[in-house]
């Protein structure tokens, strides 16, 4: 479906376009609501072009954008269509004029006597420390000179043994992720190879593991002790590996597939 390329009077309404795309993707309103966190009554209202339940234009644009992304539409033309039909975006509020800095008289700063006293104390302490240090250094130099004159050589200090840090063990090269799948579990890898798709995955207890839109080129891997149940909204766009083996001929573009795999597969359930 192409939104925005046809004349304005021929294109479907926003709600109609979202509804048609949802049906084409094989999604129910409940599934869209779960994925987008938009409540079911609001999804129904938007598909009927009723935006009064959205809570304002800002929320309506946000709902349109997230619903379009979930059902595989470009949200930009729909948001632009909403702006055109509802008076456009509000004009930005002009910034307040800058104040004239030269009119402000600088406040006279009072002398900081506390800082001056601290600086004086620091100077005195530094002078005393410098004097003591020089005195100690001269005494040590005299002692070294006396030992040298008498033929004594200062004993060299033995270097302290520095414990050697064992080198970090380098990880051994591993086989590919497909070859290393555990034999006692079922492992399913889904890749949106030829386009994006809506998908969901559940474990053998029916608990939802993952749900949402898988962008083109993205991958998801799921593992369970017994079974993985999949729903693919665009089977023709998916590359599927089950327990390290590729499952081919999943379906055509736009076709919805419901699949189930166990440890002994690949065999469609």
C-alpha atoms as a PDB file:
ATOM      1  CA  UNK A   1       0.000   0.000   0.000  1.00  0.00           C
ATOM      2  CA  UNK A   2       1.391   3.437  -0.917  1.00  0.00           C
ATOM      3  CA  UNK A   3       0.217   6.318   1.231  1.00  0.00           C
ATOM      4  CA  UNK A   4       0.867   9.812  -0.062  1.00  0.00           C
ATOM      5  CA  UNK A   5       1.655   9.011  -3.706  1.00  0.00           C
ATOM      6  CA  UNK A   6      -1.965   9.242  -4.903  1.00  0.00           C
ATOM      7  CA  UNK A   7      -3.927  12.483  -5.029  1.00  0.00           C
ATOM      8  CA  UNK A   8      -5.142  13.788  -1.692  1.00  0.00           C
ATOM      9  CA  UNK A   9      -8.814  13.240  -2.498  1.00  0.00           C
ATOM     10  CA  UNK A  10      -8.171   9.612  -3.576  1.00  0.00           C
ATOM     11  CA  UNK A  11      -6.103   8.461  -0.616  1.00  0.00           C
ATOM     12  CA  UNK A  12      -7.884   6.638   2.239  1.00  0.00           C
ATOM     13  CA  UNK A  13      -8.444   8.245   5.599  1.00  0.00           C
ATOM     14  CA  UNK A  14      -5.850   7.772   8.330  1.00  0.00           C
ATOM     15  CA  UNK A  15      -7.980   5.312  10.247  1.00  0.00           C
ATOM     16  CA  UNK A  16      -8.899   3.350   7.127  1.00  0.00           C
ATOM     17  CA  UNK A  17      -5.241   3.102   6.053  1.00  0.00           C
ATOM     18  CA  UNK A  18      -4.188   1.823   9.489  1.00  0.00           C
ATOM     19  CA  UNK A  19      -7.044  -0.686   9.583  1.00  0.00           C
ATOM     20  CA  UNK A  20      -6.298  -2.059   6.093  1.00  0.00           C
ATOM     21  CA  UNK A  21      -2.579  -2.402   6.890  1.00  0.00           C
ATOM     22  CA  UNK A  22      -3.360  -4.189  10.167  1.00  0.00           C
ATOM     23  CA  UNK A  23      -5.645  -6.681   8.412  1.00  0.00           C
ATOM     24  CA  UNK A  24      -3.050  -7.238   5.667  1.00  0.00           C
ATOM     25  CA  UNK A  25      -0.431  -7.999   8.341  1.00  0.00           C
ATOM     26  CA  UNK A  26      -2.741 -10.582   9.918  1.00  0.00           C
ATOM     27  CA  UNK A  27      -2.944  -8.727  13.254  1.00  0.00           C
ATOM     28  CA  UNK A  28      -5.885  -8.313  15.581  1.00  0.00           C
ATOM     29  CA  UNK A  29      -6.663  -5.133  17.507  1.00  0.00           C
ATOM     30  CA  UNK A  30      -5.708  -6.953  20.720  1.00  0.00           C
ATOM     31  CA  UNK A  31      -2.281  -7.869  19.283  1.00  0.00           C
ATOM     32  CA  UNK A  32      -1.662  -4.302  18.100  1.00  0.00           C
ATOM     33  CA  UNK A  33      -2.709  -2.945  21.516  1.00  0.00           C
ATOM     34  CA  UNK A  34      -0.347  -5.340  23.311  1.00  0.00           C
ATOM     35  CA  UNK A  35       2.583  -4.378  21.066  1.00  0.00           C
ATOM     36  CA  UNK A  36       2.055  -0.594  21.105  1.00  0.00           C
ATOM     37  CA  UNK A  37       0.630  -0.182  24.651  1.00  0.00           C
ATOM     38  CA  UNK A  38      -2.206   1.859  23.093  1.00  0.00           C
ATOM     39  CA  UNK A  39      -5.485   0.865  24.760  1.00  0.00           C
ATOM     40  CA  UNK A  40      -7.954  -1.166  22.684  1.00  0.00           C
ATOM     41  CA  UNK A  41     -10.773   1.471  22.722  1.00  0.00           C
ATOM     42  CA  UNK A  42      -8.335   4.097  21.406  1.00  0.00           C
ATOM     43  CA  UNK A  43      -7.141   1.768  18.602  1.00  0.00           C
ATOM     44  CA  UNK A  44     -10.775   1.184  17.578  1.00  0.00           C
ATOM     45  CA  UNK A  45     -11.505   4.938  17.705  1.00  0.00           C
ATOM     46  CA  UNK A  46      -8.451   5.851  15.571  1.00  0.00           C
ATOM     47  CA  UNK A  47      -9.428   3.257  12.951  1.00  0.00           C
ATOM     48  CA  UNK A  48     -12.804   5.069  12.802  1.00  0.00           C
ATOM     49  CA  UNK A  49     -10.957   8.424  12.406  1.00  0.00           C
ATOM     50  CA  UNK A  50     -12.089   9.494  15.888  1.00  0.00           C
ATOM     51  CA  UNK A  51      -9.089  11.166  17.574  1.00  0.00           C
ATOM     52  CA  UNK A  52     -11.046  12.727  20.449  1.00  0.00           C
ATOM     53  CA  UNK A  53      -9.977   9.917  22.818  1.00  0.00           C
ATOM     54  CA  UNK A  54      -6.270  10.517  22.225  1.00  0.00           C
ATOM     55  CA  UNK A  55      -6.063  13.435  24.671  1.00  0.00           C
ATOM     56  CA  UNK A  56      -4.802  16.082  22.244  1.00  0.00           C
ATOM     57  CA  UNK A  57      -2.915  16.522  18.979  1.00  0.00           C
ATOM     58  CA  UNK A  58       0.467  15.593  20.456  1.00  0.00           C
ATOM     59  CA  UNK A  59      -0.826  12.248  21.716  1.00  0.00           C
ATOM     60  CA  UNK A  60      -2.776  11.655  18.487  1.00  0.00           C
ATOM     61  CA  UNK A  61       0.399  12.092  16.406  1.00  0.00           C
ATOM     62  CA  UNK A  62       2.262   9.720  18.718  1.00  0.00           C
ATOM     63  CA  UNK A  63      -0.484   7.076  18.476  1.00  0.00           C
ATOM     64  CA  UNK A  64      -0.610   7.360  14.677  1.00  0.00           C
ATOM     65  CA  UNK A  65       3.176   7.023  14.449  1.00  0.00           C
ATOM     66  CA  UNK A  66       3.464   3.903  16.655  1.00  0.00           C
ATOM     67  CA  UNK A  67       0.431   2.198  15.089  1.00  0.00           C
ATOM     68  CA  UNK A  68       1.788   2.788  11.582  1.00  0.00           C
ATOM     69  CA  UNK A  69       5.191   1.338  12.486  1.00  0.00           C
ATOM     70  CA  UNK A  70       3.569  -1.754  14.007  1.00  0.00           C
ATOM     71  CA  UNK A  71       1.460  -2.578  10.945  1.00  0.00           C
ATOM     72  CA  UNK A  72       4.309  -1.849   8.492  1.00  0.00           C
ATOM     73  CA  UNK A  73       3.385   1.640   7.218  1.00  0.00           C
ATOM     74  CA  UNK A  74       5.551   4.750   6.868  1.00  0.00           C
ATOM     75  CA  UNK A  75       4.227   7.030   9.638  1.00  0.00           C
ATOM     76  CA  UNK A  76       5.432  10.332   8.102  1.00  0.00           C
ATOM     77  CA  UNK A  77       2.688  10.683   5.415  1.00  0.00           C
ATOM     78  CA  UNK A  78      -0.042   9.785   7.941  1.00  0.00           C
ATOM     79  CA  UNK A  79       1.187  12.345  10.491  1.00  0.00           C
ATOM     80  CA  UNK A  80       1.390  14.963   7.724  1.00  0.00           C
ATOM     81  CA  UNK A  81      -2.168  14.070   6.650  1.00  0.00           C
ATOM     82  CA  UNK A  82      -3.342  14.472  10.260  1.00  0.00           C
ATOM     83  CA  UNK A  83      -1.695  17.916  10.499  1.00  0.00           C
ATOM     84  CA  UNK A  84      -3.304  18.988   7.231  1.00  0.00           C
ATOM     85  CA  UNK A  85      -6.746  17.876   8.392  1.00  0.00           C
ATOM     86  CA  UNK A  86      -6.471  19.355  11.889  1.00  0.00           C
ATOM     87  CA  UNK A  87      -5.037  22.802  11.306  1.00  0.00           C
ATOM     88  CA  UNK A  88      -1.332  21.907  11.147  1.00  0.00           C
ATOM     89  CA  UNK A  89       1.223  22.022  13.906  1.00  0.00           C
ATOM     90  CA  UNK A  90       1.059  24.974  16.343  1.00  0.00           C
ATOM     91  CA  UNK A  91       3.450  27.812  15.586  1.00  0.00           C
ATOM     92  CA  UNK A  92       6.486  27.876  17.890  1.00  0.00           C
ATOM     93  CA  UNK A  93       6.362  30.440  20.690  1.00  0.00           C
ATOM     94  CA  UNK A  94       8.792  33.321  19.967  1.00  0.00           C
ATOM     95  CA  UNK A  95      11.714  33.561  22.332  1.00  0.00           C
ATOM     96  CA  UNK A  96      11.766  36.442  24.814  1.00  0.00           C
ATOM     97  CA  UNK A  97      14.009  39.362  23.738  1.00  0.00           C
ATOM     98  CA  UNK A  98      17.448  39.447  25.234  1.00  0.00           C
ATOM     99  CA  UNK A  99      18.005  41.947  28.007  1.00  0.00           C
ATOM    100  CA  UNK A 100      20.431  44.809  27.482  1.00  0.00           C
ATOM    101  CA  UNK A 101      23.484  43.957  29.506  1.00  0.00           C
ATOM    102  CA  UNK A 102      24.795  47.527  29.546  1.00  0.00           C
ATOM    103  CA  UNK A 103      21.808  48.673  31.599  1.00  0.00           C
ATOM    104  CA  UNK A 104      22.768  46.453  34.487  1.00  0.00           C
ATOM    105  CA  UNK A 105      25.246  48.065  36.793  1.00  0.00           C
ATOM    106  CA  UNK A 106      27.873  45.660  38.085  1.00  0.00           C
ATOM    107  CA  UNK A 107      27.612  45.122  41.808  1.00  0.00           C
ATOM    108  CA  UNK A 108      30.681  46.259  43.716  1.00  0.00           C
ATOM    109  CA  UNK A 109      32.451  43.345  45.232  1.00  0.00           C
ATOM    110  CA  UNK A 110      33.693  43.590  48.758  1.00  0.00           C
ATOM    111  CA  UNK A 111      37.211  42.405  49.579  1.00  0.00           C
ATOM    112  CA  UNK A 112      37.293  38.804  50.741  1.00  0.00           C
ATOM    113  CA  UNK A 113      39.357  38.990  53.927  1.00  0.00           C
ATOM    114  CA  UNK A 114      38.854  35.317  54.687  1.00  0.00           C
ATOM    115  CA  UNK A 115      40.491  34.255  51.430  1.00  0.00           C
ATOM    116  CA  UNK A 116      43.389  36.640  52.067  1.00  0.00           C
ATOM    117  CA  UNK A 117      44.000  35.158  55.531  1.00  0.00           C
ATOM    118  CA  UNK A 118      43.910  31.613  54.172  1.00  0.00           C
ATOM    119  CA  UNK A 119      46.398  32.542  51.459  1.00  0.00           C
ATOM    120  CA  UNK A 120      48.748  34.057  54.024  1.00  0.00           C
ATOM    121  CA  UNK A 121      48.597  30.945  56.236  1.00  0.00           C
ATOM    122  CA  UNK A 122      49.297  28.696  53.275  1.00  0.00           C
ATOM    123  CA  UNK A 123      52.303  30.803  52.331  1.00  0.00           C
ATOM    124  CA  UNK A 124      53.760  30.581  55.857  1.00  0.00           C
ATOM    125  CA  UNK A 125      53.249  26.808  56.067  1.00  0.00           C
ATOM    126  CA  UNK A 126      54.831  26.368  52.645  1.00  0.00           C
ATOM    127  CA  UNK A 127      57.875  28.424  53.623  1.00  0.00           C
ATOM    128  CA  UNK A 128      58.408  26.405  56.823  1.00  0.00           C
ATOM    129  CA  UNK A 129      58.066  23.095  54.967  1.00  0.00           C
ATOM    130  CA  UNK A 130      60.513  24.222  52.298  1.00  0.00           C
ATOM    131  CA  UNK A 131      63.095  25.193  54.943  1.00  0.00           C
ATOM    132  CA  UNK A 132      62.789  21.855  56.774  1.00  0.00           C
ATOM    133  CA  UNK A 133      63.037  19.906  53.530  1.00  0.00           C
ATOM    134  CA  UNK A 134      66.195  21.693  52.428  1.00  0.00           C
ATOM    135  CA  UNK A 135      67.777  21.109  55.826  1.00  0.00           C
ATOM    136  CA  UNK A 136      67.064  17.374  55.724  1.00  0.00           C
ATOM    137  CA  UNK A 137      68.349  17.099  52.176  1.00  0.00           C
ATOM    138  CA  UNK A 138      71.653  18.811  53.088  1.00  0.00           C
ATOM    139  CA  UNK A 139      72.154  16.434  56.032  1.00  0.00           C
ATOM    140  CA  UNK A 140      71.559  13.388  53.885  1.00  0.00           C
ATOM    141  CA  UNK A 141      73.949  14.737  51.219  1.00  0.00           C
ATOM    142  CA  UNK A 142      76.677  15.215  53.844  1.00  0.00           C
ATOM    143  CA  UNK A 143      76.260  11.632  55.059  1.00  0.00           C
ATOM    144  CA  UNK A 144      76.577  10.277  51.542  1.00  0.00           C
ATOM    145  CA  UNK A 145      79.666  12.391  50.912  1.00  0.00           C
ATOM    146  CA  UNK A 146      81.311  11.086  54.128  1.00  0.00           C
ATOM    147  CA  UNK A 147      80.683   7.479  53.197  1.00  0.00           C
ATOM    148  CA  UNK A 148      82.181   8.062  49.778  1.00  0.00           C
ATOM    149  CA  UNK A 149      85.346   9.631  51.250  1.00  0.00           C
ATOM    150  CA  UNK A 150      85.897   6.668  53.587  1.00  0.00           C
ATOM    151  CA  UNK A 151      85.590   4.187  50.753  1.00  0.00           C
ATOM    152  CA  UNK A 152      82.218   2.859  51.734  1.00  0.00           C
ATOM    153  CA  UNK A 153      79.736   2.274  48.996  1.00  0.00           C
ATOM    154  CA  UNK A 154      76.031   2.346  49.777  1.00  0.00           C
ATOM    155  CA  UNK A 155      74.484  -1.075  49.524  1.00  0.00           C
ATOM    156  CA  UNK A 156      72.296  -1.280  46.440  1.00  0.00           C
ATOM    157  CA  UNK A 157      68.656  -1.874  47.078  1.00  0.00           C
ATOM    158  CA  UNK A 158      67.370  -5.174  45.845  1.00  0.00           C
ATOM    159  CA  UNK A 159      64.455  -4.748  43.473  1.00  0.00           C
ATOM    160  CA  UNK A 160      61.224  -6.028  44.882  1.00  0.00           C
ATOM    161  CA  UNK A 161      59.846  -8.990  43.067  1.00  0.00           C
ATOM    162  CA  UNK A 162      56.838  -7.975  41.051  1.00  0.00           C
ATOM    163  CA  UNK A 163      54.379 -10.836  40.757  1.00  0.00           C
ATOM    164  CA  UNK A 164      53.775 -11.565  37.146  1.00  0.00           C
ATOM    165  CA  UNK A 165      50.158 -11.421  36.132  1.00  0.00           C
ATOM    166  CA  UNK A 166      49.108 -14.548  34.286  1.00  0.00           C
ATOM    167  CA  UNK A 167      48.059 -13.848  30.782  1.00  0.00           C
ATOM    168  CA  UNK A 168      44.354 -13.968  30.197  1.00  0.00           C
ATOM    169  CA  UNK A 169      43.488 -17.221  28.494  1.00  0.00           C
ATOM    170  CA  UNK A 170      42.479 -16.599  24.947  1.00  0.00           C
ATOM    171  CA  UNK A 171      39.058 -17.968  24.095  1.00  0.00           C
ATOM    172  CA  UNK A 172      39.236 -20.946  21.859  1.00  0.00           C
ATOM    173  CA  UNK A 173      37.604 -20.478  18.494  1.00  0.00           C
ATOM    174  CA  UNK A 174      34.080 -21.837  18.633  1.00  0.00           C
ATOM    175  CA  UNK A 175      31.906 -23.289  15.922  1.00  0.00           C
ATOM    176  CA  UNK A 176      29.085 -21.270  14.430  1.00  0.00           C
ATOM    177  CA  UNK A 177      26.041 -20.521  16.540  1.00  0.00           C
ATOM    178  CA  UNK A 178      23.967 -22.815  14.330  1.00  0.00           C
ATOM    179  CA  UNK A 179      26.338 -25.762  14.839  1.00  0.00           C
ATOM    180  CA  UNK A 180      26.454 -25.181  18.598  1.00  0.00           C
ATOM    181  CA  UNK A 181      22.758 -25.393  19.405  1.00  0.00           C
ATOM    182  CA  UNK A 182      22.065 -27.553  22.493  1.00  0.00           C
ATOM    183  CA  UNK A 183      20.738 -31.009  21.668  1.00  0.00           C
ATOM    184  CA  UNK A 184      18.462 -31.196  24.709  1.00  0.00           C
ATOM    185  CA  UNK A 185      16.490 -28.045  23.823  1.00  0.00           C
ATOM    186  CA  UNK A 186      14.593 -26.571  20.918  1.00  0.00           C
ATOM    187  CA  UNK A 187      16.302 -23.514  19.396  1.00  0.00           C
ATOM    188  CA  UNK A 188      14.593 -21.273  16.833  1.00  0.00           C
ATOM    189  CA  UNK A 189      16.316 -18.398  15.001  1.00  0.00           C
ATOM    190  CA  UNK A 190      14.145 -15.918  13.037  1.00  0.00           C
ATOM    191  CA  UNK A 191      15.750 -13.442  10.590  1.00  0.00           C
ATOM    192  CA  UNK A 192      13.815 -10.772   8.645  1.00  0.00           C
ATOM    193  CA  UNK A 193      15.826 -11.474   5.488  1.00  0.00           C
ATOM    194  CA  UNK A 194      13.640  -9.999   2.730  1.00  0.00           C
ATOM    195  CA  UNK A 195      11.673  -7.326   4.633  1.00  0.00           C
ATOM    196  CA  UNK A 196      10.210  -6.531   8.025  1.00  0.00           C
ATOM    197  CA  UNK A 197       7.581  -8.673   9.693  1.00  0.00           C
ATOM    198  CA  UNK A 198       5.438  -8.738  12.776  1.00  0.00           C
ATOM    199  CA  UNK A 199       6.159 -11.813  14.910  1.00  0.00           C
ATOM    200  CA  UNK A 200       5.542 -13.363  18.304  1.00  0.00           C
ATOM    201  CA  UNK A 201       7.124 -16.321  20.145  1.00  0.00           C
ATOM    202  CA  UNK A 202       5.801 -18.327  23.119  1.00  0.00           C
ATOM    203  CA  UNK A 203       7.277 -21.160  25.205  1.00  0.00           C
ATOM    204  CA  UNK A 204       5.646 -24.558  25.834  1.00  0.00           C
ATOM    205  CA  UNK A 205       3.633 -23.096  28.734  1.00  0.00           C
ATOM    206  CA  UNK A 206       2.110 -20.448  26.456  1.00  0.00           C
ATOM    207  CA  UNK A 207       4.173 -17.659  28.075  1.00  0.00           C
ATOM    208  CA  UNK A 208       4.975 -14.805  25.675  1.00  0.00           C
ATOM    209  CA  UNK A 209       8.746 -14.561  25.040  1.00  0.00           C
ATOM    210  CA  UNK A 210       8.861 -11.857  22.358  1.00  0.00           C
ATOM    211  CA  UNK A 211       6.338  -9.858  20.328  1.00  0.00           C
ATOM    212  CA  UNK A 212       6.638  -6.938  17.923  1.00  0.00           C
ATOM    213  CA  UNK A 213       7.972  -5.856  14.537  1.00  0.00           C
ATOM    214  CA  UNK A 214      11.255  -7.420  13.380  1.00  0.00           C
ATOM    215  CA  UNK A 215      13.054  -4.914  11.134  1.00  0.00           C
ATOM    216  CA  UNK A 216      14.695  -6.048   7.898  1.00  0.00           C
ATOM    217  CA  UNK A 217      18.079  -7.654   8.586  1.00  0.00           C
ATOM    218  CA  UNK A 218      17.353  -8.154  12.322  1.00  0.00           C
ATOM    219  CA  UNK A 219      17.390 -11.580  14.010  1.00  0.00           C
ATOM    220  CA  UNK A 220      15.881 -13.114  17.134  1.00  0.00           C
ATOM    221  CA  UNK A 221      16.780 -16.476  18.732  1.00  0.00           C
ATOM    222  CA  UNK A 222      14.479 -18.337  21.139  1.00  0.00           C
ATOM    223  CA  UNK A 223      15.188 -21.451  23.246  1.00  0.00           C
ATOM    224  CA  UNK A 224      12.926 -23.689  25.322  1.00  0.00           C
ATOM    225  CA  UNK A 225      13.143 -27.129  26.904  1.00  0.00           C
ATOM    226  CA  UNK A 226      10.147 -28.508  24.981  1.00  0.00           C
ATOM    227  CA  UNK A 227       8.476 -26.303  22.356  1.00  0.00           C
ATOM    228  CA  UNK A 228       8.504 -22.867  20.677  1.00  0.00           C
ATOM    229  CA  UNK A 229       5.278 -21.509  19.126  1.00  0.00           C
ATOM    230  CA  UNK A 230       5.690 -18.825  16.423  1.00  0.00           C
ATOM    231  CA  UNK A 231       3.364 -16.423  14.630  1.00  0.00           C
ATOM    232  CA  UNK A 232       4.820 -14.734  11.518  1.00  0.00           C
ATOM    233  CA  UNK A 233       2.891 -11.852   9.968  1.00  0.00           C
ATOM    234  CA  UNK A 234       4.949 -11.817   6.738  1.00  0.00           C
ATOM    235  CA  UNK A 235       6.212 -15.367   6.182  1.00  0.00           C
ATOM    236  CA  UNK A 236       7.750 -14.613   2.780  1.00  0.00           C
ATOM    237  CA  UNK A 237      10.237 -12.184   4.353  1.00  0.00           C
ATOM    238  CA  UNK A 238      11.563 -14.627   6.987  1.00  0.00           C
ATOM    239  CA  UNK A 239      14.586 -16.933   7.040  1.00  0.00           C
ATOM    240  CA  UNK A 240      14.066 -19.609   9.726  1.00  0.00           C
ATOM    241  CA  UNK A 241      16.512 -22.001  11.397  1.00  0.00           C
ATOM    242  CA  UNK A 242      15.210 -24.700  13.776  1.00  0.00           C
ATOM    243  CA  UNK A 243      17.728 -26.707  15.809  1.00  0.00           C
ATOM    244  CA  UNK A 244      20.472 -25.662  13.385  1.00  0.00           C
ATOM    245  CA  UNK A 245      18.599 -26.594  10.212  1.00  0.00           C
ATOM    246  CA  UNK A 246      16.996 -24.135   7.782  1.00  0.00           C
ATOM    247  CA  UNK A 247      13.248 -24.431   7.227  1.00  0.00           C
ATOM    248  CA  UNK A 248      12.350 -23.363   3.707  1.00  0.00           C
ATOM    249  CA  UNK A 249       9.117 -22.520   1.876  1.00  0.00           C
ATOM    250  CA  UNK A 250       7.500 -20.829   4.876  1.00  0.00           C
ATOM    251  CA  UNK A 251       4.989 -18.941   2.739  1.00  0.00           C
ATOM    252  CA  UNK A 252       4.456 -15.944   0.475  1.00  0.00           C
ATOM    253  CA  UNK A 253       4.891 -12.241   1.165  1.00  0.00           C
ATOM    254  CA  UNK A 254       2.168 -10.973   3.493  1.00  0.00           C
ATOM    255  CA  UNK A 255       1.079 -14.497   4.461  1.00  0.00           C
ATOM    256  CA  UNK A 256       0.464 -15.179   8.171  1.00  0.00           C
ATOM    257  CA  UNK A 257       1.932 -18.444   9.467  1.00  0.00           C
ATOM    258  CA  UNK A 258       1.441 -20.070  12.879  1.00  0.00           C
ATOM    259  CA  UNK A 259       4.201 -22.627  13.542  1.00  0.00           C
ATOM    260  CA  UNK A 260       5.270 -24.900  16.399  1.00  0.00           C
ATOM    261  CA  UNK A 261       8.627 -26.668  16.820  1.00  0.00           C
ATOM    262  CA  UNK A 262      10.043 -29.229  19.291  1.00  0.00           C
ATOM    263  CA  UNK A 263      13.473 -30.801  19.920  1.00  0.00           C
ATOM    264  CA  UNK A 264      13.036 -33.353  17.137  1.00  0.00           C
ATOM    265  CA  UNK A 265      12.175 -30.861  14.405  1.00  0.00           C
ATOM    266  CA  UNK A 266      12.420 -29.120  11.894  1.00  0.00           C
ATOM    267  CA  UNK A 267       8.885 -30.230  11.135  1.00  0.00           C
ATOM    268  CA  UNK A 268       5.986 -27.787  11.120  1.00  0.00           C
ATOM    269  CA  UNK A 269       3.549 -28.336  13.980  1.00  0.00           C
END
